[in-house]
Structure formats: C-alpha cells, structure tokens
Amino acid sequence: MINSMDRDKDRAATLIPGEALCLRCLYQGTLPRKTPVVGTTPAVIGCVGAIEVIKYNIVGIRDLLTSRLLIYDGFSPKFRKIC
C-alpha cells in the first residue's frame, strides 16, 4: 500500500510485488516531488490505506486498488480512480 500527498491531492494504490504495477509505472517514470499538504487530506487517504491493508492481510479480500490509482482532491472534495 502506498500513499502520496501533494498539497490538496492525495493518492493511494496497492502494490503487490509480482501481481501489480510498480510505483514508477503508476507515475509513468516520474515520482512526485515533496510539497506541503493541506488540512486533513492525509488522514482521508491514510484511512483508505488502512482499509486496503485490512482487506488484504486480515480478511483476505482480493478486490484491492492493485494497478489502479485512487486520487482524492481535498478542495472539491472528490475521489477519482485511474485504471
């Protein structure tokens, strides 16, 4: 499970070695730069990450964010999924 934050936009994806795309694949070779984050957006995406870990490790549910990127816009507030 990876999370990245960029001002008001947070991203979450579940990366399982050998089963899903890598972090560089999701960002098409360019990793995000370090920037300050706004308000509670890290908490929102942190909860998404926690749910993914619980689904995979504890419950055994395989419907994860593998090879997909979930983007949360804290200013809208809206979620968008990139497949």
PDB file of N, CA and C in Angstrom:
ATOM      1  N   MET A   1       0.850  -1.172   0.000  1.00  0.00           N
ATOM      2  CA  MET A   1       0.000   0.000   0.000  1.00  0.00           C
ATOM      3  C   MET A   1       0.890   1.226   0.000  1.00  0.00           C
ATOM      4  N   ILE A   2       0.674   2.096  -0.959  1.00  0.00           N
ATOM      5  CA  ILE A   2       1.424   3.346  -0.981  1.00  0.00           C
ATOM      6  C   ILE A   2       0.449   4.511  -0.944  1.00  0.00           C
ATOM      7  N   ASN A   3       0.851   5.553  -0.303  1.00  0.00           N
ATOM      8  CA  ASN A   3       0.100   6.800  -0.280  1.00  0.00           C
ATOM      9  C   ASN A   3       1.068   7.911  -0.640  1.00  0.00           C
ATOM     10  N   SER A   4       0.605   8.870  -1.415  1.00  0.00           N
ATOM     11  CA  SER A   4       1.418  10.053  -1.666  1.00  0.00           C
ATOM     12  C   SER A   4       0.535  11.276  -1.527  1.00  0.00           C
ATOM     13  N   MET A   5       1.110  12.354  -1.053  1.00  0.00           N
ATOM     14  CA  MET A   5       0.378  13.582  -0.850  1.00  0.00           C
ATOM     15  C   MET A   5       1.054  14.704  -1.619  1.00  0.00           C
ATOM     16  N   ASP A   6       0.257  15.564  -2.228  1.00  0.00           N
ATOM     17  CA  ASP A   6       0.766  16.715  -2.969  1.00  0.00           C
ATOM     18  C   ASP A   6      -0.211  17.861  -2.757  1.00  0.00           C
ATOM     19  N   ARG A   7       0.078  18.732  -1.808  1.00  0.00           N
ATOM     20  CA  ARG A   7      -0.792  19.837  -1.416  1.00  0.00           C
ATOM     21  C   ARG A   7      -2.189  19.334  -1.067  1.00  0.00           C
ATOM     22  N   ASP A   8      -3.153  19.501  -1.976  1.00  0.00           N
ATOM     23  CA  ASP A   8      -4.532  19.104  -1.684  1.00  0.00           C
ATOM     24  C   ASP A   8      -4.920  17.787  -2.337  1.00  0.00           C
ATOM     25  N   LYS A   9      -4.029  17.173  -3.116  1.00  0.00           N
ATOM     26  CA  LYS A   9      -4.347  15.938  -3.823  1.00  0.00           C
ATOM     27  C   LYS A   9      -3.568  14.777  -3.212  1.00  0.00           C
ATOM     28  N   ASP A  10      -4.276  13.777  -2.766  1.00  0.00           N
ATOM     29  CA  ASP A  10      -3.662  12.581  -2.203  1.00  0.00           C
ATOM     30  C   ASP A  10      -3.922  11.417  -3.127  1.00  0.00           C
ATOM     31  N   ARG A  11      -2.999  10.458  -3.131  1.00  0.00           N
ATOM     32  CA  ARG A  11      -3.118   9.293  -3.994  1.00  0.00           C
ATOM     33  C   ARG A  11      -2.898   8.030  -3.178  1.00  0.00           C
ATOM     34  N   ALA A  12      -3.617   6.971  -3.553  1.00  0.00           N
ATOM     35  CA  ALA A  12      -3.460   5.679  -2.882  1.00  0.00           C
ATOM     36  C   ALA A  12      -3.472   4.583  -3.934  1.00  0.00           C
ATOM     37  N   ALA A  13      -2.635   3.581  -3.723  1.00  0.00           N
ATOM     38  CA  ALA A  13      -2.606   2.414  -4.594  1.00  0.00           C
ATOM     39  C   ALA A  13      -2.068   1.236  -3.799  1.00  0.00           C
ATOM     40  N   THR A  14      -2.505   0.050  -4.145  1.00  0.00           N
ATOM     41  CA  THR A  14      -1.996  -1.162  -3.521  1.00  0.00           C
ATOM     42  C   THR A  14      -1.040  -1.825  -4.494  1.00  0.00           C
ATOM     43  N   LEU A  15       0.203  -1.961  -4.082  1.00  0.00           N
ATOM     44  CA  LEU A  15       1.232  -2.542  -4.934  1.00  0.00           C
ATOM     45  C   LEU A  15       1.674  -3.865  -4.336  1.00  0.00           C
ATOM     46  N   ILE A  16       1.382  -4.945  -5.021  1.00  0.00           N
ATOM     47  CA  ILE A  16       1.769  -6.280  -4.580  1.00  0.00           C
ATOM     48  C   ILE A  16       2.845  -6.774  -5.536  1.00  0.00           C
ATOM     49  N   PRO A  17       4.066  -7.017  -5.049  1.00  0.00           N
ATOM     50  CA  PRO A  17       5.153  -7.442  -5.933  1.00  0.00           C
ATOM     51  C   PRO A  17       4.768  -8.662  -6.768  1.00  0.00           C
ATOM     52  N   GLY A  18       4.985  -8.563  -8.072  1.00  0.00           N
ATOM     53  CA  GLY A  18       4.686  -9.655  -8.977  1.00  0.00           C
ATOM     54  C   GLY A  18       3.235  -9.751  -9.413  1.00  0.00           C
ATOM     55  N   GLU A  19       2.340  -8.980  -8.794  1.00  0.00           N
ATOM     56  CA  GLU A  19       0.920  -9.038  -9.127  1.00  0.00           C
ATOM     57  C   GLU A  19       0.377  -7.732  -9.683  1.00  0.00           C
ATOM     58  N   ALA A  20       1.054  -6.638  -9.453  1.00  0.00           N
ATOM     59  CA  ALA A  20       0.510  -5.333  -9.832  1.00  0.00           C
ATOM     60  C   ALA A  20       1.616  -4.448 -10.392  1.00  0.00           C
ATOM     61  N   LEU A  21       1.208  -3.333 -10.946  1.00  0.00           N
ATOM     62  CA  LEU A  21       2.176  -2.363 -11.448  1.00  0.00           C
ATOM     63  C   LEU A  21       3.042  -1.822 -10.317  1.00  0.00           C
ATOM     64  N   CYS A  22       4.217  -1.337 -10.660  1.00  0.00           N
ATOM     65  CA  CYS A  22       5.096  -0.744  -9.660  1.00  0.00           C
ATOM     66  C   CYS A  22       4.779   0.749  -9.521  1.00  0.00           C
ATOM     67  N   LEU A  23       5.384   1.391  -8.532  1.00  0.00           N
ATOM     68  CA  LEU A  23       5.155   2.807  -8.280  1.00  0.00           C
ATOM     69  C   LEU A  23       5.566   3.654  -9.474  1.00  0.00           C
ATOM     70  N   ARG A  24       6.692   3.345 -10.096  1.00  0.00           N
ATOM     71  CA  ARG A  24       7.124   4.108 -11.278  1.00  0.00           C
ATOM     72  C   ARG A  24       6.164   3.931 -12.450  1.00  0.00           C
ATOM     73  N   CYS A  25       5.551   2.750 -12.561  1.00  0.00           N
ATOM     74  CA  CYS A  25       4.568   2.532 -13.633  1.00  0.00           C
ATOM     75  C   CYS A  25       3.344   3.425 -13.434  1.00  0.00           C
ATOM     76  N   LEU A  26       2.880   3.529 -12.185  1.00  0.00           N
ATOM     77  CA  LEU A  26       1.721   4.366 -11.909  1.00  0.00           C
ATOM     78  C   LEU A  26       1.997   5.835 -12.183  1.00  0.00           C
ATOM     79  N   TYR A  27       3.212   6.268 -11.902  1.00  0.00           N
ATOM     80  CA  TYR A  27       3.580   7.670 -12.125  1.00  0.00           C
ATOM     81  C   TYR A  27       4.295   7.860 -13.454  1.00  0.00           C
ATOM     82  N   GLN A  28       4.305   6.855 -14.290  1.00  0.00           N
ATOM     83  CA  GLN A  28       4.900   6.892 -15.624  1.00  0.00           C
ATOM     84  C   GLN A  28       6.339   7.402 -15.590  1.00  0.00           C
ATOM     85  N   GLY A  29       7.119   6.861 -14.636  1.00  0.00           N
ATOM     86  CA  GLY A  29       8.544   7.150 -14.565  1.00  0.00           C
ATOM     87  C   GLY A  29       8.916   8.393 -13.795  1.00  0.00           C
ATOM     88  N   THR A  30       7.953   9.246 -13.453  1.00  0.00           N
ATOM     89  CA  THR A  30       8.252  10.473 -12.728  1.00  0.00           C
ATOM     90  C   THR A  30       7.594  10.414 -11.360  1.00  0.00           C
ATOM     91  N   LEU A  31       8.390  10.286 -10.324  1.00  0.00           N
ATOM     92  CA  LEU A  31       7.840  10.249  -8.973  1.00  0.00           C
ATOM     93  C   LEU A  31       7.482  11.664  -8.527  1.00  0.00           C
ATOM     94  N   PRO A  32       6.434  11.807  -7.687  1.00  0.00           N
ATOM     95  CA  PRO A  32       6.016  13.142  -7.243  1.00  0.00           C
ATOM     96  C   PRO A  32       7.078  13.814  -6.388  1.00  0.00           C
ATOM     97  N   ARG A  33       7.088  15.135  -6.439  1.00  0.00           N
ATOM     98  CA  ARG A  33       8.043  15.906  -5.632  1.00  0.00           C
ATOM     99  C   ARG A  33       7.487  16.106  -4.226  1.00  0.00           C
ATOM    100  N   LYS A  34       8.333  16.531  -3.310  1.00  0.00           N
ATOM    101  CA  LYS A  34       7.894  16.778  -1.941  1.00  0.00           C
ATOM    102  C   LYS A  34       7.298  18.179  -1.857  1.00  0.00           C
ATOM    103  N   THR A  35       6.043  18.263  -1.384  1.00  0.00           N
ATOM    104  CA  THR A  35       5.363  19.537  -1.208  1.00  0.00           C
ATOM    105  C   THR A  35       4.558  19.486   0.075  1.00  0.00           C
ATOM    106  N   PRO A  36       4.213  20.642   0.638  1.00  0.00           N
ATOM    107  CA  PRO A  36       3.371  20.635   1.839  1.00  0.00           C
ATOM    108  C   PRO A  36       1.962  20.154   1.514  1.00  0.00           C
ATOM    109  N   VAL A  37       1.285  19.603   2.506  1.00  0.00           N
ATOM    110  CA  VAL A  37      -0.074  19.100   2.314  1.00  0.00           C
ATOM    111  C   VAL A  37      -1.061  20.012   3.026  1.00  0.00           C
ATOM    112  N   VAL A  38      -2.329  19.938   2.625  1.00  0.00           N
ATOM    113  CA  VAL A  38      -3.363  20.824   3.143  1.00  0.00           C
ATOM    114  C   VAL A  38      -4.301  20.065   4.078  1.00  0.00           C
ATOM    115  N   GLY A  39      -4.506  20.596   5.271  1.00  0.00           N
ATOM    116  CA  GLY A  39      -5.533  20.130   6.189  1.00  0.00           C
ATOM    117  C   GLY A  39      -5.526  18.663   6.519  1.00  0.00           C
ATOM    118  N   THR A  40      -6.697  18.062   6.443  1.00  0.00           N
ATOM    119  CA  THR A  40      -6.873  16.672   6.857  1.00  0.00           C
ATOM    120  C   THR A  40      -6.802  15.685   5.706  1.00  0.00           C
ATOM    121  N   THR A  41      -6.362  16.117   4.534  1.00  0.00           N
ATOM    122  CA  THR A  41      -6.312  15.191   3.399  1.00  0.00           C
ATOM    123  C   THR A  41      -5.418  13.978   3.654  1.00  0.00           C
ATOM    124  N   PRO A  42      -4.301  14.104   4.384  1.00  0.00           N
ATOM    125  CA  PRO A  42      -3.521  12.891   4.666  1.00  0.00           C
ATOM    126  C   PRO A  42      -4.292  11.867   5.505  1.00  0.00           C
ATOM    127  N   ALA A  43      -5.167  12.337   6.393  1.00  0.00           N
ATOM    128  CA  ALA A  43      -5.960  11.413   7.209  1.00  0.00           C
ATOM    129  C   ALA A  43      -6.952  10.641   6.349  1.00  0.00           C
ATOM    130  N   VAL A  44      -7.548  11.312   5.371  1.00  0.00           N
ATOM    131  CA  VAL A  44      -8.516  10.651   4.482  1.00  0.00           C
ATOM    132  C   VAL A  44      -7.833   9.530   3.709  1.00  0.00           C
ATOM    133  N   ILE A  45      -6.708   9.829   3.102  1.00  0.00           N
ATOM    134  CA  ILE A  45      -6.026   8.825   2.288  1.00  0.00           C
ATOM    135  C   ILE A  45      -5.375   7.763   3.181  1.00  0.00           C
ATOM    136  N   GLY A  46      -5.006   8.135   4.398  1.00  0.00           N
ATOM    137  CA  GLY A  46      -4.494   7.157   5.361  1.00  0.00           C
ATOM    138  C   GLY A  46      -5.549   6.129   5.725  1.00  0.00           C
ATOM    139  N   CYS A  47      -6.802   6.563   5.853  1.00  0.00           N
ATOM    140  CA  CYS A  47      -7.903   5.631   6.129  1.00  0.00           C
ATOM    141  C   CYS A  47      -8.112   4.676   4.961  1.00  0.00           C
ATOM    142  N   VAL A  48      -8.001   5.182   3.737  1.00  0.00           N
ATOM    143  CA  VAL A  48      -8.120   4.318   2.561  1.00  0.00           C
ATOM    144  C   VAL A  48      -7.014   3.263   2.590  1.00  0.00           C
ATOM    145  N   GLY A  49      -5.799   3.694   2.924  1.00  0.00           N
ATOM    146  CA  GLY A  49      -4.680   2.757   3.012  1.00  0.00           C
ATOM    147  C   GLY A  49      -4.892   1.706   4.081  1.00  0.00           C
ATOM    148  N   ALA A  50      -5.414   2.116   5.232  1.00  0.00           N
ATOM    149  CA  ALA A  50      -5.680   1.162   6.313  1.00  0.00           C
ATOM    150  C   ALA A  50      -6.718   0.127   5.897  1.00  0.00           C
ATOM    151  N   ILE A  51      -7.750   0.563   5.197  1.00  0.00           N
ATOM    152  CA  ILE A  51      -8.782  -0.367   4.720  1.00  0.00           C
ATOM    153  C   ILE A  51      -8.182  -1.379   3.748  1.00  0.00           C
ATOM    154  N   GLU A  52      -7.296  -0.928   2.850  1.00  0.00           N
ATOM    155  CA  GLU A  52      -6.663  -1.838   1.898  1.00  0.00           C
ATOM    156  C   GLU A  52      -5.830  -2.902   2.625  1.00  0.00           C
ATOM    157  N   VAL A  53      -5.095  -2.493   3.639  1.00  0.00           N
ATOM    158  CA  VAL A  53      -4.267  -3.442   4.402  1.00  0.00           C
ATOM    159  C   VAL A  53      -5.145  -4.442   5.145  1.00  0.00           C
ATOM    160  N   ILE A  54      -6.221  -3.973   5.744  1.00  0.00           N
ATOM    161  CA  ILE A  54      -7.138  -4.875   6.452  1.00  0.00           C
ATOM    162  C   ILE A  54      -7.768  -5.866   5.484  1.00  0.00           C
ATOM    163  N   LYS A  55      -8.211  -5.376   4.318  1.00  0.00           N
ATOM    164  CA  LYS A  55      -8.819  -6.272   3.327  1.00  0.00           C
ATOM    165  C   LYS A  55      -7.835  -7.353   2.881  1.00  0.00           C
ATOM    166  N   TYR A  56      -6.588  -6.999   2.653  1.00  0.00           N
ATOM    167  CA  TYR A  56      -5.600  -7.933   2.114  1.00  0.00           C
ATOM    168  C   TYR A  56      -5.066  -8.887   3.183  1.00  0.00           C
ATOM    169  N   ASN A  57      -4.637  -8.346   4.324  1.00  0.00           N
ATOM    170  CA  ASN A  57      -3.940  -9.145   5.335  1.00  0.00           C
ATOM    171  C   ASN A  57      -4.852  -9.850   6.331  1.00  0.00           C
ATOM    172  N   ILE A  58      -5.969  -9.265   6.676  1.00  0.00           N
ATOM    173  CA  ILE A  58      -6.801  -9.821   7.740  1.00  0.00           C
ATOM    174  C   ILE A  58      -8.015 -10.560   7.183  1.00  0.00           C
ATOM    175  N   VAL A  59      -8.730  -9.937   6.266  1.00  0.00           N
ATOM    176  CA  VAL A  59      -9.978 -10.508   5.760  1.00  0.00           C
ATOM    177  C   VAL A  59      -9.749 -11.421   4.562  1.00  0.00           C
ATOM    178  N   GLY A  60      -8.710 -11.127   3.773  1.00  0.00           N
ATOM    179  CA  GLY A  60      -8.419 -11.948   2.605  1.00  0.00           C
ATOM    180  C   GLY A  60      -9.174 -11.541   1.349  1.00  0.00           C
ATOM    181  N   ILE A  61      -9.754 -10.362   1.352  1.00  0.00           N
ATOM    182  CA  ILE A  61     -10.460  -9.854   0.175  1.00  0.00           C
ATOM    183  C   ILE A  61      -9.428  -9.414  -0.854  1.00  0.00           C
ATOM    184  N   ARG A  62      -9.609  -9.819  -2.085  1.00  0.00           N
ATOM    185  CA  ARG A  62      -8.638  -9.500  -3.140  1.00  0.00           C
ATOM    186  C   ARG A  62      -9.092  -8.368  -4.062  1.00  0.00           C
ATOM    187  N   ASP A  63     -10.224  -7.732  -3.782  1.00  0.00           N
ATOM    188  CA  ASP A  63     -10.678  -6.587  -4.582  1.00  0.00           C
ATOM    189  C   ASP A  63      -9.989  -5.338  -4.048  1.00  0.00           C
ATOM    190  N   LEU A  64      -8.743  -5.149  -4.487  1.00  0.00           N
ATOM    191  CA  LEU A  64      -7.901  -4.068  -3.979  1.00  0.00           C
ATOM    192  C   LEU A  64      -7.655  -3.023  -5.055  1.00  0.00           C
ATOM    193  N   LEU A  65      -6.928  -1.994  -4.694  1.00  0.00           N
ATOM    194  CA  LEU A  65      -6.549  -0.950  -5.645  1.00  0.00           C
ATOM    195  C   LEU A  65      -5.287  -1.341  -6.415  1.00  0.00           C
ATOM    196  N   THR A  66      -5.129  -2.605  -6.741  1.00  0.00           N
ATOM    197  CA  THR A  66      -3.950  -3.044  -7.488  1.00  0.00           C
ATOM    198  C   THR A  66      -4.045  -2.555  -8.925  1.00  0.00           C
ATOM    199  N   SER A  67      -2.939  -2.032  -9.412  1.00  0.00           N
ATOM    200  CA  SER A  67      -2.832  -1.486 -10.771  1.00  0.00           C
ATOM    201  C   SER A  67      -3.842  -0.372 -11.037  1.00  0.00           C
ATOM    202  N   ARG A  68      -4.312   0.239  -9.975  1.00  0.00           N
ATOM    203  CA  ARG A  68      -5.208   1.393 -10.077  1.00  0.00           C
ATOM    204  C   ARG A  68      -4.721   2.471  -9.131  1.00  0.00           C
ATOM    205  N   LEU A  69      -5.050   3.686  -9.427  1.00  0.00           N
ATOM    206  CA  LEU A  69      -4.640   4.807  -8.592  1.00  0.00           C
ATOM    207  C   LEU A  69      -5.884   5.566  -8.166  1.00  0.00           C
ATOM    208  N   LEU A  70      -6.093   5.734  -6.865  1.00  0.00           N
ATOM    209  CA  LEU A  70      -7.210   6.488  -6.325  1.00  0.00           C
ATOM    210  C   LEU A  70      -6.695   7.871  -5.954  1.00  0.00           C
ATOM    211  N   ILE A  71      -7.325   8.907  -6.479  1.00  0.00           N
ATOM    212  CA  ILE A  71      -6.898  10.282  -6.220  1.00  0.00           C
ATOM    213  C   ILE A  71      -8.007  10.992  -5.456  1.00  0.00           C
ATOM    214  N   TYR A  72      -7.639  11.611  -4.344  1.00  0.00           N
ATOM    215  CA  TYR A  72      -8.580  12.371  -3.527  1.00  0.00           C
ATOM    216  C   TYR A  72      -8.221  13.844  -3.625  1.00  0.00           C
ATOM    217  N   ASP A  73      -9.175  14.660  -4.021  1.00  0.00           N
ATOM    218  CA  ASP A  73      -8.981  16.104  -4.109  1.00  0.00           C
ATOM    219  C   ASP A  73      -9.634  16.730  -2.885  1.00  0.00           C
ATOM    220  N   GLY A  74      -8.824  17.227  -1.977  1.00  0.00           N
ATOM    221  CA  GLY A  74      -9.325  17.782  -0.727  1.00  0.00           C
ATOM    222  C   GLY A  74     -10.076  19.084  -0.883  1.00  0.00           C
ATOM    223  N   PHE A  75      -9.865  19.809  -1.966  1.00  0.00           N
ATOM    224  CA  PHE A  75     -10.572  21.065  -2.165  1.00  0.00           C
ATOM    225  C   PHE A  75     -11.972  20.862  -2.729  1.00  0.00           C
ATOM    226  N   SER A  76     -12.212  19.769  -3.456  1.00  0.00           N
ATOM    227  CA  SER A  76     -13.510  19.573  -4.109  1.00  0.00           C
ATOM    228  C   SER A  76     -14.614  19.165  -3.146  1.00  0.00           C
ATOM    229  N   PRO A  77     -14.559  18.264  -2.277  1.00  0.00           N
ATOM    230  CA  PRO A  77     -13.771  17.049  -2.127  1.00  0.00           C
ATOM    231  C   PRO A  77     -14.348  15.925  -2.994  1.00  0.00           C
ATOM    232  N   LYS A  78     -13.508  15.345  -3.815  1.00  0.00           N
ATOM    233  CA  LYS A  78     -13.919  14.282  -4.721  1.00  0.00           C
ATOM    234  C   LYS A  78     -12.849  13.195  -4.800  1.00  0.00           C
ATOM    235  N   PHE A  79     -13.302  11.967  -5.073  1.00  0.00           N
ATOM    236  CA  PHE A  79     -12.415  10.856  -5.354  1.00  0.00           C
ATOM    237  C   PHE A  79     -12.454  10.587  -6.851  1.00  0.00           C
ATOM    238  N   ARG A  80     -11.300  10.185  -7.412  1.00  0.00           N
ATOM    239  CA  ARG A  80     -11.230   9.794  -8.820  1.00  0.00           C
ATOM    240  C   ARG A  80     -10.332   8.573  -8.898  1.00  0.00           C
ATOM    241  N   LYS A  81     -10.740   7.586  -9.692  1.00  0.00           N
ATOM    242  CA  LYS A  81      -9.942   6.352  -9.830  1.00  0.00           C
ATOM    243  C   LYS A  81      -9.404   6.260 -11.246  1.00  0.00           C
ATOM    244  N   ILE A  82      -8.104   6.017 -11.351  1.00  0.00           N
ATOM    245  CA  ILE A  82      -7.458   5.832 -12.643  1.00  0.00           C
ATOM    246  C   ILE A  82      -7.098   4.363 -12.762  1.00  0.00           C
ATOM    247  N   CYS A  83      -7.593   3.712 -13.803  1.00  0.00           N
ATOM    248  CA  CYS A  83      -7.321   2.286 -14.006  1.00  0.00           C
ATOM    249  C   CYS A  83      -6.120   2.084 -14.897  1.00  0.00           C
TER     250      CYS A  83
END
